[in-house]
Amino acid sequence: MPARIFSVDYYYSTVENRPGQGCKFLKMLAAGDVNLLAFNAFPVSVDRTQLVIYPQNATWLGELARRHGLTLHGPHHAFLVQGDDELGALVDIHERLCVADINVSSSTGLTDGHGRYRYIMHVAPEDYEQALEVLGVDQGLQRWVDFQLKQHRRFKAQA
């Protein structure tokens, strides 16, 4: 199966860099029914960690942030790629961007162990619109219809 590329919005916030902060944040998201397409956390100073949130529904994330007084920065834009895990799976995507002189500023990818992969990549904000065109990303209203995401609720929300 050829790679499918989706445009995704992401937001970031910072928390204290100490044990339990990430857990507290993830529990809050789950209790608020905010489903994540991806999540990343990394230290930005000795005492702060940046949390990067790629929500399936940004409206729900915004409502949750308002209720809990959480400061979110965004939306920012990224690309989420999924496809069959095979040698050179990302070469064509990067080649198209390279030919258009668009730099991938950061990226992260994982395989699922069952022959598929997911990959998130970021380009400079000024290159985003051109990258949409170069990559042939469909910005239709139902952009998540074909996104392979199974939602299973294992977390019990507490009132």
N, C-alpha and C. Protein backbone atom coordinates (compact mmCIF):
# COMPACT_ATOMS: atom_id res chain seq x y z
N MET A 1 0.84 -1.17 0.00
CA MET A 1 0.00 0.00 0.00
C MET A 1 0.89 1.25 0.00
N PRO A 2 0.63 2.18 -0.88
CA PRO A 2 1.43 3.41 -0.88
C PRO A 2 1.15 4.21 0.39
N ALA A 3 2.08 5.05 0.73
CA ALA A 3 1.95 5.88 1.93
C ALA A 3 0.76 6.82 1.79
N ARG A 4 0.09 7.04 2.88
CA ARG A 4 -0.98 8.04 2.93
C ARG A 4 -0.50 9.14 3.85
N ILE A 5 -0.73 10.37 3.42
CA ILE A 5 -0.22 11.52 4.16
C ILE A 5 -1.39 12.40 4.57
N PHE A 6 -1.41 12.73 5.85
CA PHE A 6 -2.45 13.57 6.41
C PHE A 6 -1.82 14.82 7.01
N SER A 7 -2.53 15.92 6.92
CA SER A 7 -2.13 17.13 7.63
C SER A 7 -2.71 17.04 9.03
N VAL A 8 -1.89 17.31 10.04
CA VAL A 8 -2.38 17.26 11.42
C VAL A 8 -2.00 18.56 12.13
N ASP A 9 -2.85 18.97 13.03
CA ASP A 9 -2.55 20.12 13.88
C ASP A 9 -1.93 19.60 15.17
N TYR A 10 -1.05 20.40 15.71
CA TYR A 10 -0.49 20.05 17.01
C TYR A 10 -0.36 21.29 17.87
N TYR A 11 -0.29 21.05 19.16
CA TYR A 11 -0.19 22.10 20.16
C TYR A 11 0.91 21.71 21.13
N TYR A 12 1.45 22.68 21.82
CA TYR A 12 2.43 22.32 22.84
C TYR A 12 2.21 23.16 24.09
N SER A 13 2.69 22.60 25.17
CA SER A 13 2.64 23.24 26.47
C SER A 13 3.88 22.79 27.23
N THR A 14 4.19 23.46 28.31
CA THR A 14 5.30 23.02 29.13
C THR A 14 4.81 22.74 30.55
N VAL A 15 5.48 21.80 31.18
CA VAL A 15 5.18 21.43 32.56
C VAL A 15 6.50 21.36 33.32
N GLU A 16 6.39 21.26 34.63
CA GLU A 16 7.60 21.09 35.44
C GLU A 16 8.25 19.76 35.08
N ASN A 17 9.56 19.77 35.05
CA ASN A 17 10.31 18.56 34.72
C ASN A 17 10.55 17.77 36.02
N ARG A 18 9.50 17.06 36.45
CA ARG A 18 9.61 16.24 37.65
C ARG A 18 8.67 15.05 37.51
N PRO A 19 8.92 13.99 38.26
CA PRO A 19 8.12 12.77 38.15
C PRO A 19 6.63 13.02 38.35
N GLY A 20 5.84 12.40 37.50
CA GLY A 20 4.39 12.46 37.63
C GLY A 20 3.69 13.49 36.79
N GLN A 21 4.40 14.49 36.27
CA GLN A 21 3.74 15.56 35.51
C GLN A 21 3.16 15.05 34.19
N GLY A 22 3.93 14.22 33.48
CA GLY A 22 3.43 13.66 32.23
C GLY A 22 2.23 12.76 32.47
N CYS A 23 2.30 11.96 33.52
CA CYS A 23 1.19 11.06 33.88
C CYS A 23 -0.06 11.87 34.19
N LYS A 24 0.09 12.90 34.98
CA LYS A 24 -1.04 13.77 35.34
C LYS A 24 -1.67 14.37 34.09
N PHE A 25 -0.83 14.85 33.18
CA PHE A 25 -1.31 15.47 31.95
C PHE A 25 -2.06 14.45 31.08
N LEU A 26 -1.49 13.26 30.90
CA LEU A 26 -2.13 12.23 30.08
C LEU A 26 -3.44 11.76 30.69
N LYS A 27 -3.50 11.66 32.01
CA LYS A 27 -4.76 11.30 32.68
C LYS A 27 -5.83 12.35 32.42
N MET A 28 -5.42 13.63 32.48
CA MET A 28 -6.36 14.71 32.24
C MET A 28 -6.92 14.63 30.82
N LEU A 29 -6.06 14.36 29.84
CA LEU A 29 -6.52 14.23 28.46
C LEU A 29 -7.49 13.07 28.31
N ALA A 30 -7.14 11.92 28.89
CA ALA A 30 -8.00 10.75 28.78
C ALA A 30 -9.35 10.98 29.46
N ALA A 31 -9.34 11.59 30.64
CA ALA A 31 -10.58 11.87 31.35
C ALA A 31 -11.46 12.83 30.56
N GLY A 32 -10.84 13.71 29.76
CA GLY A 32 -11.58 14.66 28.93
C GLY A 32 -11.91 14.12 27.56
N ASP A 33 -11.69 12.81 27.34
CA ASP A 33 -11.97 12.15 26.06
C ASP A 33 -11.19 12.75 24.89
N VAL A 34 -10.01 13.28 25.17
CA VAL A 34 -9.16 13.82 24.11
C VAL A 34 -8.28 12.68 23.60
N ASN A 35 -8.61 12.18 22.42
CA ASN A 35 -7.85 11.08 21.82
C ASN A 35 -6.64 11.65 21.09
N LEU A 36 -5.51 11.00 21.25
CA LEU A 36 -4.28 11.49 20.66
C LEU A 36 -3.89 10.68 19.42
N LEU A 37 -3.50 11.39 18.38
CA LEU A 37 -2.90 10.76 17.22
C LEU A 37 -1.44 10.49 17.50
N ALA A 38 -0.82 11.39 18.27
CA ALA A 38 0.59 11.25 18.67
C ALA A 38 0.83 12.15 19.86
N PHE A 39 1.94 11.89 20.52
CA PHE A 39 2.32 12.66 21.70
C PHE A 39 3.83 12.58 21.82
N ASN A 40 4.45 13.68 22.21
CA ASN A 40 5.89 13.69 22.39
C ASN A 40 6.21 14.59 23.58
N ALA A 41 7.24 14.23 24.31
CA ALA A 41 7.68 15.05 25.44
C ALA A 41 9.20 15.07 25.45
N PHE A 42 9.77 16.25 25.73
CA PHE A 42 11.23 16.35 25.80
C PHE A 42 11.59 17.56 26.66
N PRO A 43 12.74 17.49 27.33
CA PRO A 43 13.15 18.59 28.20
C PRO A 43 13.56 19.82 27.37
N VAL A 44 13.16 20.98 27.86
CA VAL A 44 13.55 22.23 27.20
C VAL A 44 14.44 23.07 28.11
N SER A 45 14.53 22.68 29.38
CA SER A 45 15.45 23.31 30.33
C SER A 45 15.61 22.33 31.49
N VAL A 46 16.39 22.72 32.46
CA VAL A 46 16.63 21.85 33.61
C VAL A 46 15.32 21.55 34.35
N ASP A 47 14.41 22.54 34.38
CA ASP A 47 13.20 22.36 35.18
C ASP A 47 11.89 22.36 34.38
N ARG A 48 11.96 22.35 33.04
CA ARG A 48 10.73 22.36 32.23
C ARG A 48 10.80 21.29 31.14
N THR A 49 9.64 20.69 30.86
CA THR A 49 9.49 19.70 29.80
C THR A 49 8.41 20.19 28.85
N GLN A 50 8.65 20.09 27.57
CA GLN A 50 7.64 20.47 26.57
C GLN A 50 6.85 19.24 26.18
N LEU A 51 5.53 19.37 26.21
CA LEU A 51 4.62 18.32 25.80
C LEU A 51 4.03 18.73 24.45
N VAL A 52 4.15 17.87 23.46
CA VAL A 52 3.61 18.14 22.13
C VAL A 52 2.42 17.21 21.92
N ILE A 53 1.26 17.81 21.66
CA ILE A 53 0.00 17.07 21.59
C ILE A 53 -0.55 17.15 20.18
N TYR A 54 -0.81 15.99 19.59
CA TYR A 54 -1.43 15.89 18.26
C TYR A 54 -2.83 15.30 18.49
N PRO A 55 -3.84 16.13 18.74
CA PRO A 55 -5.17 15.60 19.09
C PRO A 55 -5.96 15.20 17.84
N GLN A 56 -6.81 14.22 18.02
CA GLN A 56 -7.72 13.88 16.93
C GLN A 56 -8.79 14.97 16.81
N ASN A 57 -9.19 15.53 17.94
CA ASN A 57 -10.20 16.58 17.93
C ASN A 57 -9.67 17.79 18.71
N ALA A 58 -9.22 18.79 17.98
CA ALA A 58 -8.62 19.97 18.61
C ALA A 58 -9.64 20.77 19.42
N THR A 59 -10.90 20.72 19.06
CA THR A 59 -11.93 21.45 19.80
C THR A 59 -12.03 20.92 21.22
N TRP A 60 -12.02 19.61 21.36
CA TRP A 60 -12.09 19.00 22.69
C TRP A 60 -10.86 19.35 23.51
N LEU A 61 -9.70 19.36 22.86
CA LEU A 61 -8.47 19.73 23.56
C LEU A 61 -8.56 21.17 24.05
N GLY A 62 -9.06 22.07 23.20
CA GLY A 62 -9.22 23.48 23.58
C GLY A 62 -10.17 23.66 24.75
N GLU A 63 -11.28 22.92 24.73
CA GLU A 63 -12.24 23.01 25.84
C GLU A 63 -11.61 22.51 27.14
N LEU A 64 -10.88 21.43 27.05
CA LEU A 64 -10.20 20.87 28.22
C LEU A 64 -9.18 21.87 28.78
N ALA A 65 -8.43 22.49 27.89
CA ALA A 65 -7.42 23.47 28.30
C ALA A 65 -8.08 24.65 29.02
N ARG A 66 -9.20 25.12 28.49
CA ARG A 66 -9.90 26.24 29.14
C ARG A 66 -10.40 25.85 30.54
N ARG A 67 -10.96 24.63 30.64
CA ARG A 67 -11.49 24.18 31.94
C ARG A 67 -10.39 24.04 33.00
N HIS A 68 -9.20 23.64 32.58
CA HIS A 68 -8.12 23.37 33.53
C HIS A 68 -7.06 24.47 33.58
N GLY A 69 -7.28 25.57 32.85
CA GLY A 69 -6.33 26.67 32.86
C GLY A 69 -4.98 26.32 32.24
N LEU A 70 -5.00 25.42 31.29
CA LEU A 70 -3.78 24.97 30.61
C LEU A 70 -3.46 25.90 29.45
N THR A 71 -2.23 26.36 29.40
CA THR A 71 -1.80 27.21 28.29
C THR A 71 -1.30 26.34 27.15
N LEU A 72 -1.94 26.45 25.99
CA LEU A 72 -1.54 25.72 24.79
C LEU A 72 -1.03 26.70 23.75
N HIS A 73 0.00 26.32 23.05
CA HIS A 73 0.51 27.11 21.94
C HIS A 73 0.17 26.36 20.66
N GLY A 74 -0.48 27.04 19.74
CA GLY A 74 -0.87 26.41 18.49
C GLY A 74 -2.21 26.93 18.03
N PRO A 75 -2.76 26.42 16.97
CA PRO A 75 -2.29 25.22 16.30
C PRO A 75 -1.10 25.47 15.39
N HIS A 76 -0.27 24.46 15.32
CA HIS A 76 0.83 24.39 14.37
C HIS A 76 0.51 23.21 13.46
N HIS A 77 1.22 23.10 12.37
CA HIS A 77 0.90 22.06 11.39
C HIS A 77 2.06 21.09 11.20
N ALA A 78 1.69 19.84 10.99
CA ALA A 78 2.66 18.79 10.71
C ALA A 78 2.02 17.82 9.73
N PHE A 79 2.77 16.82 9.35
CA PHE A 79 2.26 15.77 8.46
C PHE A 79 2.38 14.44 9.15
N LEU A 80 1.33 13.66 9.09
CA LEU A 80 1.36 12.31 9.62
C LEU A 80 1.29 11.37 8.41
N VAL A 81 2.25 10.48 8.33
CA VAL A 81 2.34 9.54 7.21
C VAL A 81 2.14 8.14 7.75
N GLN A 82 1.41 7.33 7.04
CA GLN A 82 1.29 5.93 7.41
C GLN A 82 1.37 5.08 6.15
N GLY A 83 1.94 3.91 6.30
CA GLY A 83 2.07 3.03 5.14
C GLY A 83 2.67 1.69 5.53
N ASP A 84 2.98 0.91 4.51
CA ASP A 84 3.59 -0.39 4.73
C ASP A 84 5.07 -0.21 5.03
N ASP A 85 5.53 -0.94 6.02
CA ASP A 85 6.93 -0.87 6.43
C ASP A 85 7.77 -1.68 5.45
N GLU A 86 8.53 -0.97 4.65
CA GLU A 86 9.42 -1.63 3.69
C GLU A 86 10.66 -0.77 3.53
N LEU A 87 11.71 -1.38 3.08
CA LEU A 87 12.97 -0.67 2.90
C LEU A 87 12.77 0.55 1.99
N GLY A 88 13.18 1.71 2.45
CA GLY A 88 13.06 2.93 1.65
C GLY A 88 11.67 3.53 1.62
N ALA A 89 10.83 3.17 2.57
CA ALA A 89 9.43 3.62 2.56
C ALA A 89 9.30 5.15 2.55
N LEU A 90 10.24 5.86 3.13
CA LEU A 90 10.12 7.32 3.23
C LEU A 90 10.91 8.08 2.17
N VAL A 91 11.64 7.34 1.33
CA VAL A 91 12.51 8.00 0.35
C VAL A 91 11.70 8.87 -0.62
N ASP A 92 10.61 8.36 -1.17
CA ASP A 92 9.83 9.12 -2.15
C ASP A 92 9.30 10.42 -1.56
N ILE A 93 8.83 10.35 -0.33
CA ILE A 93 8.28 11.54 0.32
C ILE A 93 9.38 12.60 0.49
N HIS A 94 10.51 12.18 1.00
CA HIS A 94 11.61 13.13 1.21
C HIS A 94 12.17 13.62 -0.13
N GLU A 95 12.17 12.77 -1.13
CA GLU A 95 12.66 13.17 -2.45
C GLU A 95 11.80 14.29 -3.03
N ARG A 96 10.47 14.15 -2.92
CA ARG A 96 9.57 15.19 -3.43
C ARG A 96 9.80 16.52 -2.72
N LEU A 97 9.99 16.47 -1.42
CA LEU A 97 10.25 17.70 -0.67
C LEU A 97 11.61 18.28 -1.04
N CYS A 98 12.60 17.42 -1.21
CA CYS A 98 13.95 17.86 -1.58
C CYS A 98 13.94 18.57 -2.92
N VAL A 99 13.27 18.00 -3.90
CA VAL A 99 13.19 18.60 -5.24
C VAL A 99 12.53 19.98 -5.16
N ALA A 100 11.56 20.14 -4.26
CA ALA A 100 10.87 21.42 -4.09
C ALA A 100 11.63 22.36 -3.15
N ASP A 101 12.81 21.96 -2.70
CA ASP A 101 13.65 22.75 -1.80
C ASP A 101 12.94 23.05 -0.47
N ILE A 102 12.24 22.02 0.05
CA ILE A 102 11.57 22.12 1.34
C ILE A 102 12.32 21.24 2.32
N ASN A 103 12.73 21.83 3.42
CA ASN A 103 13.47 21.10 4.44
C ASN A 103 12.51 20.48 5.47
N VAL A 104 12.75 19.23 5.82
CA VAL A 104 12.05 18.61 6.94
C VAL A 104 12.82 19.02 8.19
N SER A 105 12.19 19.82 9.03
CA SER A 105 12.90 20.37 10.19
C SER A 105 12.98 19.40 11.35
N SER A 106 12.03 18.49 11.47
CA SER A 106 12.10 17.43 12.48
C SER A 106 11.14 16.32 12.08
N SER A 107 11.41 15.13 12.58
CA SER A 107 10.55 13.99 12.27
C SER A 107 10.76 12.88 13.28
N THR A 108 9.75 12.03 13.38
CA THR A 108 9.80 10.86 14.25
C THR A 108 8.99 9.77 13.58
N GLY A 109 9.50 8.56 13.59
CA GLY A 109 8.77 7.46 13.00
C GLY A 109 8.88 6.20 13.82
N LEU A 110 7.88 5.36 13.70
CA LEU A 110 7.85 4.07 14.40
C LEU A 110 7.18 3.03 13.53
N THR A 111 7.63 1.80 13.65
CA THR A 111 6.92 0.69 13.03
C THR A 111 6.04 0.06 14.10
N ASP A 112 5.00 -0.62 13.66
CA ASP A 112 4.10 -1.24 14.64
C ASP A 112 4.42 -2.70 14.90
N GLY A 113 5.43 -3.24 14.24
CA GLY A 113 5.78 -4.64 14.43
C GLY A 113 4.91 -5.59 13.64
N HIS A 114 3.98 -5.05 12.88
CA HIS A 114 3.07 -5.85 12.06
C HIS A 114 3.11 -5.43 10.60
N GLY A 115 4.22 -4.82 10.19
CA GLY A 115 4.39 -4.46 8.79
C GLY A 115 3.90 -3.09 8.40
N ARG A 116 3.58 -2.23 9.36
CA ARG A 116 3.11 -0.87 9.06
C ARG A 116 3.97 0.12 9.83
N TYR A 117 3.93 1.38 9.42
CA TYR A 117 4.65 2.43 10.13
C TYR A 117 3.80 3.68 10.19
N ARG A 118 4.17 4.55 11.12
CA ARG A 118 3.62 5.90 11.21
C ARG A 118 4.81 6.83 11.39
N TYR A 119 4.70 8.00 10.79
CA TYR A 119 5.81 8.94 10.73
C TYR A 119 5.23 10.34 10.82
N ILE A 120 5.78 11.15 11.70
CA ILE A 120 5.36 12.55 11.82
C ILE A 120 6.52 13.41 11.36
N MET A 121 6.23 14.38 10.51
CA MET A 121 7.29 15.28 10.07
C MET A 121 6.79 16.72 10.07
N HIS A 122 7.73 17.60 10.32
CA HIS A 122 7.45 19.03 10.40
C HIS A 122 8.29 19.76 9.35
N VAL A 123 7.69 20.77 8.77
CA VAL A 123 8.41 21.67 7.87
C VAL A 123 8.23 23.08 8.42
N ALA A 124 9.02 24.00 7.95
CA ALA A 124 8.91 25.40 8.39
C ALA A 124 7.51 25.92 8.04
N PRO A 125 6.94 26.76 8.90
CA PRO A 125 5.60 27.29 8.63
C PRO A 125 5.46 27.93 7.24
N GLU A 126 6.51 28.60 6.80
CA GLU A 126 6.42 29.25 5.47
C GLU A 126 6.45 28.25 4.33
N ASP A 127 6.82 27.00 4.58
CA ASP A 127 6.85 25.96 3.55
C ASP A 127 5.64 25.04 3.59
N TYR A 128 4.78 25.21 4.58
CA TYR A 128 3.68 24.28 4.80
C TYR A 128 2.73 24.18 3.60
N GLU A 129 2.26 25.30 3.09
CA GLU A 129 1.30 25.28 1.98
C GLU A 129 1.90 24.61 0.74
N GLN A 130 3.16 24.93 0.45
CA GLN A 130 3.82 24.31 -0.69
C GLN A 130 3.99 22.81 -0.46
N ALA A 131 4.32 22.41 0.75
CA ALA A 131 4.48 20.99 1.08
C ALA A 131 3.16 20.25 0.92
N LEU A 132 2.04 20.87 1.29
CA LEU A 132 0.72 20.26 1.07
C LEU A 132 0.55 19.89 -0.40
N GLU A 133 0.90 20.84 -1.27
CA GLU A 133 0.75 20.63 -2.70
C GLU A 133 1.73 19.59 -3.22
N VAL A 134 2.98 19.69 -2.85
CA VAL A 134 4.02 18.77 -3.31
C VAL A 134 3.71 17.33 -2.90
N LEU A 135 3.18 17.18 -1.69
CA LEU A 135 2.88 15.84 -1.18
C LEU A 135 1.50 15.34 -1.59
N GLY A 136 0.70 16.21 -2.18
CA GLY A 136 -0.64 15.80 -2.63
C GLY A 136 -1.58 15.50 -1.48
N VAL A 137 -1.47 16.26 -0.41
CA VAL A 137 -2.31 16.02 0.76
C VAL A 137 -3.70 16.57 0.50
N ASP A 138 -4.70 15.71 0.65
CA ASP A 138 -6.09 16.10 0.47
C ASP A 138 -6.57 16.78 1.75
N GLN A 139 -6.98 18.02 1.64
CA GLN A 139 -7.46 18.78 2.79
C GLN A 139 -8.98 18.74 2.91
N GLY A 140 -9.59 17.66 2.39
CA GLY A 140 -11.04 17.53 2.44
C GLY A 140 -11.59 17.56 3.85
N LEU A 141 -12.87 17.78 3.97
CA LEU A 141 -13.50 17.89 5.27
C LEU A 141 -13.43 16.60 6.08
N GLN A 142 -13.36 15.46 5.40
CA GLN A 142 -13.35 14.17 6.11
C GLN A 142 -11.95 13.57 6.10
N ARG A 143 -10.96 14.35 6.48
CA ARG A 143 -9.59 13.89 6.37
C ARG A 143 -9.27 12.69 7.24
N TRP A 144 -10.08 12.41 8.29
CA TRP A 144 -9.77 11.27 9.17
C TRP A 144 -10.56 10.02 8.81
N VAL A 145 -11.41 10.07 7.78
CA VAL A 145 -12.22 8.91 7.42
C VAL A 145 -11.36 7.69 7.13
N ASP A 146 -10.27 7.87 6.42
CA ASP A 146 -9.42 6.75 6.06
C ASP A 146 -8.24 6.54 6.99
N PHE A 147 -8.15 7.35 8.02
CA PHE A 147 -7.03 7.21 8.95
C PHE A 147 -7.28 5.98 9.81
N GLN A 148 -6.33 5.07 9.82
CA GLN A 148 -6.52 3.82 10.55
C GLN A 148 -6.22 4.03 12.02
N LEU A 149 -7.26 4.26 12.78
CA LEU A 149 -7.13 4.49 14.20
C LEU A 149 -8.27 3.77 14.89
N LYS A 150 -7.93 2.82 15.72
CA LYS A 150 -8.95 2.10 16.48
C LYS A 150 -8.98 2.69 17.88
N GLN A 151 -10.15 3.09 18.30
CA GLN A 151 -10.27 3.70 19.61
C GLN A 151 -10.84 2.68 20.59
N HIS A 152 -10.05 2.33 21.55
CA HIS A 152 -10.49 1.42 22.61
C HIS A 152 -10.34 2.17 23.92
N ARG A 153 -11.38 2.16 24.70
CA ARG A 153 -11.32 2.88 25.97
C ARG A 153 -10.87 1.91 27.05
N ARG A 154 -9.66 2.10 27.52
CA ARG A 154 -9.14 1.29 28.62
C ARG A 154 -9.04 2.11 29.90
N PHE A 155 -9.09 3.41 29.74
CA PHE A 155 -8.96 4.31 30.88
C PHE A 155 -10.34 4.63 31.40
N LYS A 156 -10.52 4.55 32.69
CA LYS A 156 -11.80 4.89 33.29
C LYS A 156 -11.74 6.32 33.80
N ALA A 157 -12.52 7.18 33.18
CA ALA A 157 -12.54 8.58 33.59
C ALA A 157 -13.16 8.71 34.97
N GLN A 158 -12.58 9.56 35.78
CA GLN A 158 -13.11 9.82 37.11
C GLN A 158 -13.76 11.19 37.13
N ALA A 159 -14.92 11.27 37.71
CA ALA A 159 -15.67 12.53 37.73
C ALA A 159 -15.01 13.56 38.60
